[in-house]
Amino acid sequence: MGAIIGGILWIILCALTATLAERKGHKGIGYFLLALFLSPLIGLIIVACISNKTQKLCPYCKKVIDIHATVCGFCGKELTKKNSTNAEKEKWISERIVELISTGKTATDAKIQAEAEYSVEKNNKEEKQTNRKRRVK
């Protein structure tokens, strides 16, 4: 009878480990299995030490905020501009890599070339904007 209660308690603690891991944005099943085979105590210690994927640091005030926040609740700065710029950059580079690979380049060479082309294009745009500002003055 004691073994059955111990086994049920073991499973409950493994489920608790999985639930806590899921709340931190990680895959619960992996932590459930880890706790099941090692021990729920070890699983809980590991979950306590892992990072929380549902939160991030504000790049301006360095306070912990929700990962989906568009405005920092502490300093009030808008956070979406940088993310959208990075998304545009990644999309442009990814599309260019696909184009270069289709012409026969290796994936590594295509990535290096695409990143270099993006940097050159970005510098050219910035230069044009600077020249426009100078003309306006």
Protein backbone atom coordinates (compact mmCIF):
# COMPACT_ATOMS: atom_id res chain seq x y z
CA MET A 1 0.00 0.00 0.00
CA GLY A 2 2.87 2.38 0.83
CA ALA A 3 4.46 1.72 -2.56
CA ILE A 4 1.26 2.71 -4.37
CA ILE A 5 0.95 5.96 -2.42
CA GLY A 6 4.65 6.67 -3.03
CA GLY A 7 4.21 6.03 -6.77
CA ILE A 8 1.18 8.31 -6.96
CA LEU A 9 3.06 11.03 -5.07
CA TRP A 10 6.03 10.57 -7.44
CA ILE A 11 3.77 11.05 -10.51
CA ILE A 12 2.07 14.10 -8.94
CA LEU A 13 5.45 15.73 -8.25
CA CYS A 14 6.59 14.95 -11.81
CA ALA A 15 3.40 16.59 -13.13
CA LEU A 16 4.09 19.62 -10.91
CA THR A 17 7.60 19.85 -12.38
CA ALA A 18 6.15 19.74 -15.91
CA THR A 19 3.54 22.38 -15.07
CA LEU A 20 6.14 24.77 -13.67
CA ALA A 21 8.35 24.27 -16.73
CA GLU A 22 5.40 25.02 -19.03
CA ARG A 23 4.65 28.23 -17.12
CA LYS A 24 8.21 29.31 -17.81
CA GLY A 25 7.70 28.70 -21.53
CA HIS A 26 9.48 25.34 -21.81
CA LYS A 27 8.20 21.96 -22.98
CA GLY A 28 6.62 20.27 -19.98
CA ILE A 29 6.83 16.70 -21.25
CA GLY A 30 10.62 16.78 -21.27
CA TYR A 31 10.75 17.97 -17.69
CA PHE A 32 8.10 15.42 -16.70
CA LEU A 33 10.26 12.61 -18.09
CA LEU A 34 13.37 14.07 -16.48
CA ALA A 35 11.66 14.14 -13.09
CA LEU A 36 10.16 10.70 -13.66
CA PHE A 37 13.52 9.02 -14.35
CA LEU A 38 15.85 11.04 -12.10
CA SER A 39 13.63 12.30 -9.31
CA PRO A 40 11.01 14.98 -8.87
CA LEU A 41 13.35 16.86 -6.52
CA ILE A 42 16.07 17.09 -9.16
CA GLY A 43 13.44 18.07 -11.75
CA LEU A 44 12.10 20.84 -9.51
CA ILE A 45 15.62 22.15 -8.84
CA ILE A 46 16.37 22.24 -12.56
CA VAL A 47 13.07 24.00 -13.33
CA ALA A 48 13.86 26.56 -10.64
CA CYS A 49 17.18 27.28 -12.37
CA ILE A 50 15.99 27.56 -15.99
CA SER A 51 15.23 30.88 -17.63
CA ASN A 52 11.72 32.19 -18.01
CA LYS A 53 10.91 32.37 -21.73
CA THR A 54 7.72 34.32 -21.06
CA GLN A 55 9.65 37.38 -19.89
CA LYS A 56 12.43 39.57 -21.25
CA LEU A 57 14.47 42.56 -20.18
CA CYS A 58 13.53 46.00 -21.42
CA PRO A 59 16.49 47.15 -23.56
CA TYR A 60 16.21 50.66 -22.10
CA CYS A 61 15.64 50.29 -18.33
CA LYS A 62 16.66 46.61 -17.96
CA LYS A 63 13.51 45.70 -15.95
CA VAL A 64 11.75 42.36 -16.49
CA ILE A 65 8.67 42.69 -18.73
CA ASP A 66 6.32 40.35 -20.61
CA ILE A 67 7.77 38.93 -23.84
CA HIS A 68 4.81 40.26 -25.85
CA ALA A 69 4.92 43.80 -24.43
CA THR A 70 5.03 46.57 -27.01
CA VAL A 71 5.61 49.32 -24.45
CA CYS A 72 7.68 48.98 -21.28
CA GLY A 73 5.49 49.35 -18.21
CA PHE A 74 8.38 50.86 -16.25
CA CYS A 75 10.04 53.40 -18.56
CA GLY A 76 7.22 53.78 -21.12
CA LYS A 77 9.46 53.32 -24.17
CA GLU A 78 8.06 51.65 -27.28
CA LEU A 79 9.61 48.25 -28.01
CA THR A 80 8.16 47.22 -31.38
CA LYS A 81 10.34 49.26 -33.72
CA LYS A 82 13.50 47.25 -33.12
CA ASN A 83 11.66 43.93 -33.34
CA SER A 84 9.98 44.85 -36.63
CA THR A 85 13.33 46.01 -38.05
CA ASN A 86 14.94 42.72 -37.06
CA ALA A 87 12.04 40.77 -38.56
CA GLU A 88 12.36 42.70 -41.82
CA LYS A 89 16.11 42.09 -41.85
CA GLU A 90 15.72 38.36 -41.20
CA LYS A 91 13.04 38.06 -43.88
CA TRP A 92 15.15 39.91 -46.46
CA ILE A 93 18.25 37.84 -45.67
CA SER A 94 16.29 34.56 -45.71
CA GLU A 95 14.76 35.34 -49.11
CA ARG A 96 18.15 36.32 -50.49
CA ILE A 97 19.76 33.11 -49.15
CA VAL A 98 17.13 31.04 -50.96
CA GLU A 99 17.82 32.96 -54.19
CA LEU A 100 21.57 32.44 -53.86
CA ILE A 101 21.26 28.74 -53.07
CA SER A 102 19.08 28.28 -56.15
CA THR A 103 21.96 29.70 -58.23
CA GLY A 104 24.31 27.00 -56.91
CA LYS A 105 25.96 28.63 -53.89
CA THR A 106 26.46 26.66 -50.69
CA ALA A 107 24.27 27.60 -47.73
CA THR A 108 27.20 29.08 -45.81
CA ASP A 109 28.40 31.18 -48.74
CA ALA A 110 24.84 32.29 -49.47
CA LYS A 111 24.34 33.39 -45.86
CA ILE A 112 27.59 35.35 -45.79
CA GLN A 113 26.81 37.05 -49.09
CA ALA A 114 23.21 37.85 -48.14
CA GLU A 115 24.28 39.43 -44.84
CA ALA A 116 26.95 41.48 -46.60
CA GLU A 117 24.46 42.64 -49.25
CA TYR A 118 21.98 43.63 -46.56
CA SER A 119 24.63 45.70 -44.77
CA VAL A 120 25.59 47.46 -47.99
CA GLU A 121 21.94 48.14 -48.84
CA LYS A 122 21.26 49.45 -45.34
CA ASN A 123 24.28 51.78 -45.50
CA ASN A 124 23.17 53.07 -48.91
CA LYS A 125 19.67 53.85 -47.54
CA GLU A 126 21.14 55.66 -44.54
CA GLU A 127 23.44 57.65 -46.81
CA LYS A 128 20.51 58.70 -49.02
CA GLN A 129 18.53 59.81 -45.96
CA THR A 130 21.48 61.83 -44.70
CA ASN A 131 21.89 63.50 -48.10
CA ARG A 132 18.17 64.36 -48.19
CA LYS A 133 18.38 65.95 -44.77
CA ARG A 134 21.38 68.02 -45.87
CA ARG A 135 19.50 69.25 -48.96
CA VAL A 136 16.50 70.27 -46.86
CA LYS A 137 18.68 72.45 -44.61
